[in-house]
C-alpha atoms as a PDB file:
ATOM      1  CA  MET A   1     -17.265  72.570   0.925  1.00  0.00           C
ATOM      2  CA  ALA A   2     -16.876  71.921  -2.794  1.00  0.00           C
ATOM      3  CA  VAL A   3     -13.126  71.633  -2.352  1.00  0.00           C
ATOM      4  CA  VAL A   4     -13.540  69.095   0.473  1.00  0.00           C
ATOM      5  CA  ALA A   5     -16.006  67.071  -1.597  1.00  0.00           C
ATOM      6  CA  ALA A   6     -13.651  67.088  -4.558  1.00  0.00           C
ATOM      7  CA  LEU A   7     -10.779  65.916  -2.373  1.00  0.00           C
ATOM      8  CA  LEU A   8     -12.928  63.145  -0.898  1.00  0.00           C
ATOM      9  CA  LEU A   9     -14.006  61.982  -4.336  1.00  0.00           C
ATOM     10  CA  GLY A  10     -10.388  62.003  -5.433  1.00  0.00           C
ATOM     11  CA  VAL A  11      -9.349  59.833  -2.501  1.00  0.00           C
ATOM     12  CA  LEU A  12     -12.202  57.389  -3.144  1.00  0.00           C
ATOM     13  CA  ALA A  13     -11.390  57.209  -6.843  1.00  0.00           C
ATOM     14  CA  ALA A  14      -7.724  56.571  -6.109  1.00  0.00           C
ATOM     15  CA  GLY A  15      -8.630  53.845  -3.629  1.00  0.00           C
ATOM     16  CA  ALA A  16     -10.961  52.180  -6.106  1.00  0.00           C
ATOM     17  CA  TYR A  17      -8.293  52.326  -8.782  1.00  0.00           C
ATOM     18  CA  LEU A  18      -5.709  50.740  -6.501  1.00  0.00           C
ATOM     19  CA  MET A  19      -8.125  47.961  -5.525  1.00  0.00           C
ATOM     20  CA  LEU A  20      -8.935  47.184  -9.150  1.00  0.00           C
ATOM     21  CA  ARG A  21      -5.284  47.315 -10.133  1.00  0.00           C
ATOM     22  CA  GLN A  22      -4.351  44.950  -7.308  1.00  0.00           C
ATOM     23  CA  ARG A  23      -7.056  42.494  -8.334  1.00  0.00           C
ATOM     24  CA  PHE A  24      -6.241  42.406 -12.024  1.00  0.00           C
ATOM     25  CA  VAL A  25      -2.545  43.262 -12.129  1.00  0.00           C
ATOM     26  CA  GLY A  26      -0.991  43.150  -8.664  1.00  0.00           C
ATOM     27  CA  THR A  27       0.078  40.021  -6.832  1.00  0.00           C
ATOM     28  CA  VAL A  28      -0.881  38.865  -3.356  1.00  0.00           C
ATOM     29  CA  SER A  29       1.417  39.285  -0.378  1.00  0.00           C
ATOM     30  CA  ASP A  30      -0.908  39.652   2.617  1.00  0.00           C
ATOM     31  CA  PRO A  31      -3.139  36.843   3.977  1.00  0.00           C
ATOM     32  CA  GLY A  32      -5.657  39.392   5.229  1.00  0.00           C
ATOM     33  CA  GLU A  33      -5.998  40.773   1.723  1.00  0.00           C
ATOM     34  CA  ILE A  34      -6.758  37.297   0.362  1.00  0.00           C
ATOM     35  CA  GLU A  35      -9.372  36.602   3.037  1.00  0.00           C
ATOM     36  CA  TRP A  36     -11.075  39.977   2.725  1.00  0.00           C
ATOM     37  CA  THR A  37     -11.214  39.923  -1.073  1.00  0.00           C
ATOM     38  CA  THR A  38     -11.959  36.263  -1.846  1.00  0.00           C
ATOM     39  CA  GLY A  39     -13.824  35.199   1.285  1.00  0.00           C
ATOM     40  CA  LEU A  40     -11.530  32.171   1.637  1.00  0.00           C
ATOM     41  CA  PRO A  41      -9.610  31.527   4.854  1.00  0.00           C
ATOM     42  CA  VAL A  42      -5.831  31.460   4.643  1.00  0.00           C
ATOM     43  CA  ILE A  43      -5.158  28.138   6.352  1.00  0.00           C
ATOM     44  CA  ALA A  44      -1.385  28.494   6.488  1.00  0.00           C
ATOM     45  CA  THR A  45       1.323  31.007   5.660  1.00  0.00           C
ATOM     46  CA  VAL A  46       4.567  29.309   4.692  1.00  0.00           C
ATOM     47  CA  PRO A  47       7.656  31.510   4.989  1.00  0.00           C
ATOM     48  CA  ARG A  48      10.788  31.088   3.003  1.00  0.00           C
ATOM     49  CA  GLY A  49      13.244  28.552   4.479  1.00  0.00           C
ATOM     50  CA  GLU A  50      16.498  30.149   5.544  1.00  0.00           C
ATOM     51  CA  SER A  51      18.898  27.257   4.903  1.00  0.00           C
ATOM     52  CA  PRO A  52      20.107  26.589   1.338  1.00  0.00           C
ATOM     53  CA  ARG A  53      19.790  22.793   1.568  1.00  0.00           C
ATOM     54  CA  LEU A  54      18.916  20.228  -1.040  1.00  0.00           C
ATOM     55  CA  ALA A  55      17.929  17.490   1.360  1.00  0.00           C
ATOM     56  CA  GLY A  56      15.827  15.518  -1.084  1.00  0.00           C
ATOM     57  CA  ALA A  57      18.822  14.553  -3.172  1.00  0.00           C
ATOM     58  CA  ASP A  58      19.608  11.457  -1.118  1.00  0.00           C
ATOM     59  CA  ALA A  59      16.037  10.261  -0.646  1.00  0.00           C
ATOM     60  CA  ARG A  60      16.703   6.663  -1.622  1.00  0.00           C
ATOM     61  CA  ASN A  61      20.084   6.446   0.081  1.00  0.00           C
ATOM     62  CA  ARG A  62      18.644   7.487   3.430  1.00  0.00           C
ATOM     63  CA  PRO A  63      15.131   6.036   3.479  1.00  0.00           C
ATOM     64  CA  HIS A  64      14.689   6.510   7.214  1.00  0.00           C
ATOM     65  CA  ALA A  65      15.584  10.208   7.311  1.00  0.00           C
ATOM     66  CA  SER A  66      12.524  12.287   8.108  1.00  0.00           C
ATOM     67  CA  ALA A  67      11.870  15.957   7.418  1.00  0.00           C
ATOM     68  CA  ALA A  68      12.787  16.896  10.968  1.00  0.00           C
ATOM     69  CA  SER A  69      15.996  14.854  11.011  1.00  0.00           C
ATOM     70  CA  ARG A  70      17.277  16.765   7.990  1.00  0.00           C
ATOM     71  CA  GLY A  71      16.940  20.153   9.613  1.00  0.00           C
ATOM     72  CA  GLY A  72      13.179  20.606   9.372  1.00  0.00           C
ATOM     73  CA  LEU A  73      12.900  21.566  13.047  1.00  0.00           C
ATOM     74  CA  ALA A  74      14.927  24.733  12.405  1.00  0.00           C
ATOM     75  CA  ASP A  75      13.130  25.646   9.199  1.00  0.00           C
ATOM     76  CA  PRO A  76      10.225  28.074   9.715  1.00  0.00           C
ATOM     77  CA  ALA A  77       8.602  26.774   6.530  1.00  0.00           C
ATOM     78  CA  ILE A  78       8.532  23.234   7.885  1.00  0.00           C
ATOM     79  CA  GLU A  79       7.272  24.440  11.269  1.00  0.00           C
ATOM     80  CA  SER A  80       4.425  26.246   9.516  1.00  0.00           C
ATOM     81  CA  LEU A  81       3.576  23.106   7.563  1.00  0.00           C
ATOM     82  CA  ARG A  82       3.706  21.063  10.758  1.00  0.00           C
ATOM     83  CA  ASN A  83       1.049  23.349  12.252  1.00  0.00           C
ATOM     84  CA  PHE A  84      -0.970  23.023   9.058  1.00  0.00           C
ATOM     85  CA  ARG A  85      -0.704  19.235   9.285  1.00  0.00           C
ATOM     86  CA  THR A  86      -2.116  19.286  12.816  1.00  0.00           C
ATOM     87  CA  THR A  87      -5.034  21.482  11.777  1.00  0.00           C
ATOM     88  CA  LEU A  88      -5.725  19.237   8.810  1.00  0.00           C
ATOM     89  CA  GLN A  89      -5.658  16.067  10.897  1.00  0.00           C
ATOM     90  CA  LEU A  90      -8.238  17.532  13.257  1.00  0.00           C
ATOM     91  CA  SER A  91     -10.560  18.414  10.374  1.00  0.00           C
ATOM     92  CA  LEU A  92     -10.250  15.143   8.427  1.00  0.00           C
ATOM     93  CA  PRO A  93     -12.914  13.271  10.448  1.00  0.00           C
ATOM     94  CA  ASP A  94     -15.510  15.790   9.229  1.00  0.00           C
ATOM     95  CA  ALA A  95     -14.480  15.524   5.560  1.00  0.00           C
ATOM     96  CA  PRO A  96     -16.250  13.234   3.051  1.00  0.00           C
ATOM     97  CA  ASN A  97     -13.025  11.228   2.761  1.00  0.00           C
ATOM     98  CA  ARG A  98      -9.348  11.374   3.721  1.00  0.00           C
ATOM     99  CA  ILE A  99      -8.140  12.517   0.304  1.00  0.00           C
ATOM    100  CA  VAL A 100      -6.433  15.922   0.237  1.00  0.00           C
ATOM    101  CA  LEU A 101      -5.862  17.700  -3.075  1.00  0.00           C
ATOM    102  CA  ILE A 102      -3.171  20.371  -3.214  1.00  0.00           C
ATOM    103  CA  SER A 103      -3.423  22.520  -6.325  1.00  0.00           C
ATOM    104  CA  GLY A 104      -2.822  26.070  -7.443  1.00  0.00           C
ATOM    105  CA  PRO A 105      -3.880  28.507 -10.128  1.00  0.00           C
ATOM    106  CA  THR A 106      -0.653  28.289 -12.145  1.00  0.00           C
ATOM    107  CA  THR A 107       2.728  26.601 -12.230  1.00  0.00           C
ATOM    108  CA  GLY A 108       5.510  27.824  -9.972  1.00  0.00           C
ATOM    109  CA  VAL A 109       3.433  28.534  -6.861  1.00  0.00           C
ATOM    110  CA  GLY A 110       4.960  25.742  -4.762  1.00  0.00           C
ATOM    111  CA  LYS A 111       2.129  23.200  -4.747  1.00  0.00           C
ATOM    112  CA  SER A 112       4.487  20.220  -5.078  1.00  0.00           C
ATOM    113  CA  TYR A 113       6.589  21.560  -2.220  1.00  0.00           C
ATOM    114  CA  ILE A 114       3.493  21.877  -0.025  1.00  0.00           C
ATOM    115  CA  ALA A 115       2.051  18.485  -1.002  1.00  0.00           C
ATOM    116  CA  SER A 116       5.269  16.514  -0.560  1.00  0.00           C
ATOM    117  CA  ASN A 117       6.213  18.027   2.770  1.00  0.00           C
ATOM    118  CA  LEU A 118       2.666  17.786   4.115  1.00  0.00           C
ATOM    119  CA  ALA A 119       2.654  14.086   3.244  1.00  0.00           C
ATOM    120  CA  ALA A 120       6.055  13.526   4.866  1.00  0.00           C
ATOM    121  CA  LEU A 121       5.071  15.359   8.035  1.00  0.00           C
ATOM    122  CA  ALA A 122       1.788  13.455   8.296  1.00  0.00           C
ATOM    123  CA  ALA A 123       3.687  10.188   7.924  1.00  0.00           C
ATOM    124  CA  ALA A 124       6.156  11.326  10.589  1.00  0.00           C
ATOM    125  CA  ALA A 125       3.202  11.572  12.984  1.00  0.00           C
ATOM    126  CA  SER A 126       2.821   7.770  12.830  1.00  0.00           C
ATOM    127  CA  GLN A 127       0.227   7.756  10.088  1.00  0.00           C
ATOM    128  CA  ARG A 128       0.238   5.647   6.959  1.00  0.00           C
ATOM    129  CA  VAL A 129       0.232   8.185   4.108  1.00  0.00           C
ATOM    130  CA  LEU A 130       0.235   7.971   0.320  1.00  0.00           C
ATOM    131  CA  LEU A 131       1.540  10.788  -1.881  1.00  0.00           C
ATOM    132  CA  ILE A 132       0.301  10.751  -5.486  1.00  0.00           C
ATOM    133  CA  ASP A 133       1.796  12.855  -8.265  1.00  0.00           C
ATOM    134  CA  ALA A 134      -1.287  13.385 -10.414  1.00  0.00           C
ATOM    135  CA  ASP A 135       0.169  16.110 -12.609  1.00  0.00           C
ATOM    136  CA  LEU A 136       0.245  13.915 -15.702  1.00  0.00           C
ATOM    137  CA  ARG A 137       1.741  16.669 -17.851  1.00  0.00           C
ATOM    138  CA  LYS A 138       4.689  18.019 -15.861  1.00  0.00           C
ATOM    139  CA  GLY A 139       4.883  15.970 -12.684  1.00  0.00           C
ATOM    140  CA  ALA A 140       8.421  15.922 -11.289  1.00  0.00           C
ATOM    141  CA  LEU A 141       8.211  14.434  -7.800  1.00  0.00           C
ATOM    142  CA  HIS A 142       9.824  11.223  -9.032  1.00  0.00           C
ATOM    143  CA  ASP A 143      13.014  13.166  -9.787  1.00  0.00           C
ATOM    144  CA  HIS A 144      13.301  14.364  -6.208  1.00  0.00           C
ATOM    145  CA  PHE A 145      12.695  10.892  -4.793  1.00  0.00           C
ATOM    146  CA  ARG A 146      15.234   9.485  -7.270  1.00  0.00           C
ATOM    147  CA  TYR A 147      12.750   7.089  -8.879  1.00  0.00           C
ATOM    148  CA  SER A 148      11.792   6.619 -12.504  1.00  0.00           C
ATOM    149  CA  ARG A 149       8.652   8.323 -13.749  1.00  0.00           C
ATOM    150  CA  ALA A 150       7.036   5.069 -14.893  1.00  0.00           C
ATOM    151  CA  PRO A 151       5.350   2.864 -14.034  1.00  0.00           C
ATOM    152  CA  GLY A 152       3.049   5.150 -12.101  1.00  0.00           C
ATOM    153  CA  LEU A 153      -0.461   6.517 -11.864  1.00  0.00           C
ATOM    154  CA  SER A 154      -1.241   6.723 -15.576  1.00  0.00           C
ATOM    155  CA  ASP A 155      -0.004   3.159 -16.141  1.00  0.00           C
ATOM    156  CA  VAL A 156      -2.208   1.747 -13.382  1.00  0.00           C
ATOM    157  CA  VAL A 157      -5.278   3.670 -14.547  1.00  0.00           C
ATOM    158  CA  MET A 158      -4.767   2.571 -18.158  1.00  0.00           C
ATOM    159  CA  GLY A 159      -4.239  -1.042 -17.085  1.00  0.00           C
ATOM    160  CA  THR A 160      -0.713  -1.516 -18.449  1.00  0.00           C
ATOM    161  CA  HIS A 161       0.775  -2.136 -14.979  1.00  0.00           C
ATOM    162  CA  ARG A 162      -0.480  -3.442 -11.656  1.00  0.00           C
ATOM    163  CA  LEU A 163      -0.583  -1.197  -8.610  1.00  0.00           C
ATOM    164  CA  ASP A 164       2.055  -3.260  -6.811  1.00  0.00           C
ATOM    165  CA  GLU A 165       4.406  -2.699  -9.757  1.00  0.00           C
ATOM    166  CA  ALA A 166       3.959   1.072  -9.673  1.00  0.00           C
ATOM    167  CA  LEU A 167       3.769   1.847  -5.958  1.00  0.00           C
ATOM    168  CA  LYS A 168       7.008   2.986  -4.312  1.00  0.00           C
ATOM    169  CA  ARG A 169       6.806   1.886  -0.694  1.00  0.00           C
ATOM    170  CA  ASP A 170       8.394   3.581   2.305  1.00  0.00           C
ATOM    171  CA  VAL A 171      10.136   6.434   0.522  1.00  0.00           C
ATOM    172  CA  ARG A 172       9.994   7.848   4.046  1.00  0.00           C
ATOM    173  CA  PRO A 173       8.886   5.999   7.177  1.00  0.00           C
ATOM    174  CA  GLY A 174       5.141   5.561   6.770  1.00  0.00           C
ATOM    175  CA  LEU A 175       5.061   7.269   3.371  1.00  0.00           C
ATOM    176  CA  ASP A 176       4.359   5.524   0.063  1.00  0.00           C
ATOM    177  CA  PHE A 177       4.597   7.283  -3.292  1.00  0.00           C
ATOM    178  CA  LEU A 178       2.866   6.858  -6.656  1.00  0.00           C
ATOM    179  CA  SER A 179       4.600   8.759  -9.448  1.00  0.00           C
ATOM    180  CA  MET A 180       2.841  10.287 -12.451  1.00  0.00           C
ATOM    181  CA  GLY A 181       3.634   7.374 -14.756  1.00  0.00           C
ATOM    182  CA  SER A 182       4.088   7.245 -18.502  1.00  0.00           C
ATOM    183  CA  ILE A 183       3.384  10.281 -20.666  1.00  0.00           C
ATOM    184  CA  VAL A 184      -0.080  10.004 -22.210  1.00  0.00           C
ATOM    185  CA  ALA A 185      -1.610  11.772 -25.193  1.00  0.00           C
ATOM    186  CA  ASP A 186      -4.603  13.146 -23.271  1.00  0.00           C
ATOM    187  CA  PRO A 187      -3.990  13.472 -19.513  1.00  0.00           C
ATOM    188  CA  GLY A 188      -7.431  14.962 -18.929  1.00  0.00           C
ATOM    189  CA  GLU A 189      -9.088  11.912 -20.443  1.00  0.00           C
ATOM    190  CA  VAL A 190      -7.046   9.573 -18.235  1.00  0.00           C
ATOM    191  CA  LEU A 191      -8.103  11.451 -15.108  1.00  0.00           C
ATOM    192  CA  LEU A 192     -11.761  11.078 -16.112  1.00  0.00           C
ATOM    193  CA  GLN A 193     -11.518   7.294 -16.380  1.00  0.00           C
ATOM    194  CA  PRO A 194     -13.717   5.360 -13.907  1.00  0.00           C
ATOM    195  CA  ALA A 195     -10.619   3.293 -13.164  1.00  0.00           C
ATOM    196  CA  LEU A 196      -9.063   6.295 -11.418  1.00  0.00           C
ATOM    197  CA  ALA A 197     -11.995   6.724  -9.040  1.00  0.00           C
ATOM    198  CA  GLU A 198     -11.951   2.980  -8.361  1.00  0.00           C
ATOM    199  CA  LEU A 199      -8.214   3.079  -7.672  1.00  0.00           C
ATOM    200  CA  ILE A 200      -8.501   6.006  -5.260  1.00  0.00           C
ATOM    201  CA  GLU A 201     -11.387   4.328  -3.437  1.00  0.00           C
ATOM    202  CA  ARG A 202      -9.374   1.128  -3.055  1.00  0.00           C
ATOM    203  CA  LEU A 203      -6.337   3.010  -1.788  1.00  0.00           C
ATOM    204  CA  SER A 204      -8.435   5.007   0.690  1.00  0.00           C
ATOM    205  CA  SER A 205      -9.008   1.887   2.759  1.00  0.00           C
ATOM    206  CA  GLN A 206      -5.251   1.340   3.089  1.00  0.00           C
ATOM    207  CA  TYR A 207      -4.081   4.804   4.210  1.00  0.00           C
ATOM    208  CA  ARG A 208      -4.972   7.286   6.914  1.00  0.00           C
ATOM    209  CA  MET A 209      -4.389  10.098   4.431  1.00  0.00           C
ATOM    210  CA  ILE A 210      -3.854  10.416   0.687  1.00  0.00           C
ATOM    211  CA  VAL A 211      -2.206  13.630  -0.513  1.00  0.00           C
ATOM    212  CA  ILE A 212      -2.577  14.384  -4.223  1.00  0.00           C
ATOM    213  CA  ASP A 213      -0.313  16.853  -6.000  1.00  0.00           C
ATOM    214  CA  GLY A 214      -2.614  18.008  -8.793  1.00  0.00           C
ATOM    215  CA  SER A 215      -2.225  19.942 -12.014  1.00  0.00           C
ATOM    216  CA  PRO A 216      -2.490  23.745 -11.989  1.00  0.00           C
ATOM    217  CA  LEU A 217      -6.105  24.758 -12.502  1.00  0.00           C
ATOM    218  CA  LEU A 218      -5.947  27.632 -14.969  1.00  0.00           C
ATOM    219  CA  PRO A 219      -3.784  26.305 -17.832  1.00  0.00           C
ATOM    220  CA  VAL A 220      -5.658  22.970 -18.097  1.00  0.00           C
ATOM    221  CA  THR A 221      -8.828  21.319 -16.783  1.00  0.00           C
ATOM    222  CA  ASP A 222      -7.139  18.172 -15.419  1.00  0.00           C
ATOM    223  CA  GLY A 223      -7.348  19.327 -11.810  1.00  0.00           C
ATOM    224  CA  LEU A 224     -11.136  19.585 -11.899  1.00  0.00           C
ATOM    225  CA  ALA A 225     -11.494  15.814 -12.194  1.00  0.00           C
ATOM    226  CA  LEU A 226      -9.170  15.363  -9.225  1.00  0.00           C
ATOM    227  CA  GLY A 227     -11.158  17.869  -7.192  1.00  0.00           C
ATOM    228  CA  ARG A 228     -14.266  15.722  -7.428  1.00  0.00           C
ATOM    229  CA  LEU A 229     -12.398  12.787  -5.891  1.00  0.00           C
ATOM    230  CA  ALA A 230     -10.987  14.720  -2.930  1.00  0.00           C
ATOM    231  CA  GLY A 231     -12.640  15.317   0.396  1.00  0.00           C
ATOM    232  CA  ILE A 232     -10.600  18.470   1.017  1.00  0.00           C
ATOM    233  CA  VAL A 233      -9.141  20.870  -1.558  1.00  0.00           C
ATOM    234  CA  PHE A 234      -6.555  23.566  -0.877  1.00  0.00           C
ATOM    235  CA  LEU A 235      -5.200  26.217  -3.233  1.00  0.00           C
ATOM    236  CA  VAL A 236      -1.572  27.293  -3.012  1.00  0.00           C
ATOM    237  CA  ALA A 237      -0.933  30.959  -3.762  1.00  0.00           C
ATOM    238  CA  ARG A 238       2.566  32.355  -3.925  1.00  0.00           C
ATOM    239  CA  SER A 239       3.402  35.753  -2.540  1.00  0.00           C
ATOM    240  CA  GLY A 240       4.523  38.080  -5.296  1.00  0.00           C
ATOM    241  CA  VAL A 241       3.393  35.689  -8.040  1.00  0.00           C
ATOM    242  CA  THR A 242      -0.298  34.785  -7.703  1.00  0.00           C
ATOM    243  CA  THR A 243      -3.009  37.394  -8.309  1.00  0.00           C
ATOM    244  CA  LEU A 244      -6.404  37.686  -6.652  1.00  0.00           C
ATOM    245  CA  THR A 245      -8.026  37.214 -10.040  1.00  0.00           C
ATOM    246  CA  GLU A 246      -6.229  33.879 -10.457  1.00  0.00           C
ATOM    247  CA  ILE A 247      -7.476  32.713  -7.064  1.00  0.00           C
ATOM    248  CA  ASP A 248     -11.037  33.792  -7.867  1.00  0.00           C
ATOM    249  CA  GLU A 249     -11.007  32.081 -11.261  1.00  0.00           C
ATOM    250  CA  SER A 250      -9.605  28.857  -9.789  1.00  0.00           C
ATOM    251  CA  VAL A 251     -12.339  28.796  -7.158  1.00  0.00           C
ATOM    252  CA  ARG A 252     -15.010  29.505  -9.768  1.00  0.00           C
ATOM    253  CA  ARG A 253     -13.865  26.638 -11.986  1.00  0.00           C
ATOM    254  CA  LEU A 254     -13.921  24.215  -9.075  1.00  0.00           C
ATOM    255  CA  GLN A 255     -17.335  25.412  -7.932  1.00  0.00           C
ATOM    256  CA  ASP A 256     -18.659  24.901 -11.458  1.00  0.00           C
ATOM    257  CA  VAL A 257     -18.065  21.160 -10.945  1.00  0.00           C
ATOM    258  CA  GLN A 258     -19.436  21.235  -7.375  1.00  0.00           C
ATOM    259  CA  VAL A 259     -16.047  21.273  -5.648  1.00  0.00           C
ATOM    260  CA  ASP A 260     -15.530  23.600  -2.693  1.00  0.00           C
ATOM    261  CA  VAL A 261     -12.143  24.988  -1.716  1.00  0.00           C
ATOM    262  CA  ARG A 262     -11.389  24.615   1.982  1.00  0.00           C
ATOM    263  CA  GLY A 263      -8.834  27.422   2.036  1.00  0.00           C
ATOM    264  CA  VAL A 264      -5.659  29.012   0.701  1.00  0.00           C
ATOM    265  CA  ILE A 265      -2.051  28.270   1.622  1.00  0.00           C
ATOM    266  CA  LEU A 266       0.089  31.373   1.115  1.00  0.00           C
ATOM    267  CA  ASN A 267       3.573  30.226   0.154  1.00  0.00           C
ATOM    268  CA  ASP A 268       6.786  32.266   0.166  1.00  0.00           C
ATOM    269  CA  PHE A 269       5.415  34.622   2.792  1.00  0.00           C
ATOM    270  CA  ALA A 270       8.287  36.808   4.002  1.00  0.00           C
ATOM    271  CA  ARG A 271       8.801  40.091   5.814  1.00  0.00           C
ATOM    272  CA  GLY A 272      10.650  42.578   3.649  1.00  0.00           C
ATOM    273  CA  PRO A 273      13.116  44.892   5.411  1.00  0.00           C
ATOM    274  CA  GLY A 274      11.363  48.090   6.339  1.00  0.00           C
ATOM    275  CA  HIS A 275       8.068  47.457   4.626  1.00  0.00           C
ATOM    276  CA  GLY A 276       5.736  44.911   6.120  1.00  0.00           C
ATOM    277  CA  TYR A 277       5.203  41.529   4.634  1.00  0.00           C
ATOM    278  CA  GLY A 278       6.529  40.807   1.198  1.00  0.00           C
ATOM    279  CA  TYR A 279       9.711  39.733  -0.526  1.00  0.00           C
ATOM    280  CA  GLY A 280      12.870  40.366   1.394  1.00  0.00           C
ATOM    281  CA  ASN A 281      14.874  40.129  -1.820  1.00  0.00           C
ATOM    282  CA  ALA A 282      14.631  38.880  -5.351  1.00  0.00           C
ATOM    283  CA  GLU A 283      16.103  35.493  -4.414  1.00  0.00           C
ATOM    284  CA  THR A 284      12.932  34.552  -2.543  1.00  0.00           C
ATOM    285  CA  HIS A 285      11.022  34.330  -5.808  1.00  0.00           C
ATOM    286  CA  GLN A 286      13.110  31.392  -6.954  1.00  0.00           C
ATOM    287  CA  ALA A 287      13.645  29.655  -3.638  1.00  0.00           C
ATOM    288  CA  ALA A 288       9.955  29.186  -2.894  1.00  0.00           C
ATOM    289  CA  SER A 289       9.634  26.734  -5.752  1.00  0.00           C
ATOM    290  CA  GLY A 290      12.063  24.275  -4.179  1.00  0.00           C
ATOM    291  CA  TYR A 291      11.495  21.497  -1.678  1.00  0.00           C
ATOM    292  CA  ALA A 292      12.099  22.113   2.021  1.00  0.00           C
ATOM    293  CA  GLY A 293      12.607  19.697   4.900  1.00  0.00           C
ATOM    294  CA  MET A 294      11.839  16.469   3.100  1.00  0.00           C
ATOM    295  CA  MET A 295      12.751  18.279  -0.102  1.00  0.00           C
ATOM    296  CA  ALA A 296      14.698  21.394   0.738  1.00  0.00           C
ATOM    297  CA  HIS A 297      14.560  24.817  -0.831  1.00  0.00           C
ATOM    298  CA  ARG A 298      17.115  25.169  -3.604  1.00  0.00           C
ATOM    299  CA  PRO A 299      19.921  27.648  -3.039  1.00  0.00           C
ATOM    300  CA  ALA A 300      19.150  30.975  -4.671  1.00  0.00           C
ATOM    301  CA  GLY A 301      20.416  30.957  -8.216  1.00  0.00           C
ATOM    302  CA  ALA A 302      20.539  27.166  -8.435  1.00  0.00           C
ATOM    303  CA  GLY A 303      19.359  25.409 -11.522  1.00  0.00           C
ATOM    304  CA  GLY A 304      16.772  22.657 -11.748  1.00  0.00           C
ATOM    305  CA  LYS A 305      13.151  22.217 -12.552  1.00  0.00           C
ATOM    306  CA  GLY A 306      11.705  23.618  -9.360  1.00  0.00           C
ATOM    307  CA  ASP A 307       8.066  23.232  -8.571  1.00  0.00           C
ATOM    308  CA  ARG A 308       5.473  22.409 -11.154  1.00  0.00           C
END
């Protein structure tokens, strides 16, 4: 009996150790694990795109090319985001407003990829959509649309440019884009300006949906101000990169300013050969930071800035 008890205690201790190690050291790879541990629903799992395209490179030369027309229909990542778009559209009427914030705990999780393609897919469904790059430190969406960084959001908020000077219209059919704007000394202070809330409120009456690509939540506090403006907030976690502790801490920081997280989007979700869900190979780690459909995944090993 003593031997059995000792074995049982050993198994329990090993299990507890593995759980603690996964929370503080290990990275997420299973949506069920995220839901069970954090209590947040995983709204979408976005697999790695199979085709090494860079479809966003000709954004301005082909303004009427949609995500689907550039191969999005065959891309499982885009199909997953299309399902997510439908779910989101059904839930928007119950939200405080039609502003959707896409953020993540850290850089490199794919939040810009999710935000940009969600906006493009929503616009493709005959909705008028605005995509805002509100990462005033390292925003890079303007590069992929082939526009200049400024004038943009920071310039309009600070009053140096009018909205009509900064807004890029019809970067896709039904999709307008507001870039990050000029580099500012204190991005967090700009995002706390009453002028930002007034701008977002004014824009809300002109669009069926506003998708905001926000700053990562753990390195800086900028994203907290954006969270208070949004009716729905989603966190992007990246398989093999994000930890449960990072998700928990991001949620806690948002809740501290009375912002609730609607759910988690698990990006770069792939089945590894022979062992369940996880990375199929090391190339997946890099590819998930690219832009698919509207902005395609980069080929493995390609250079570039990737996702912020």
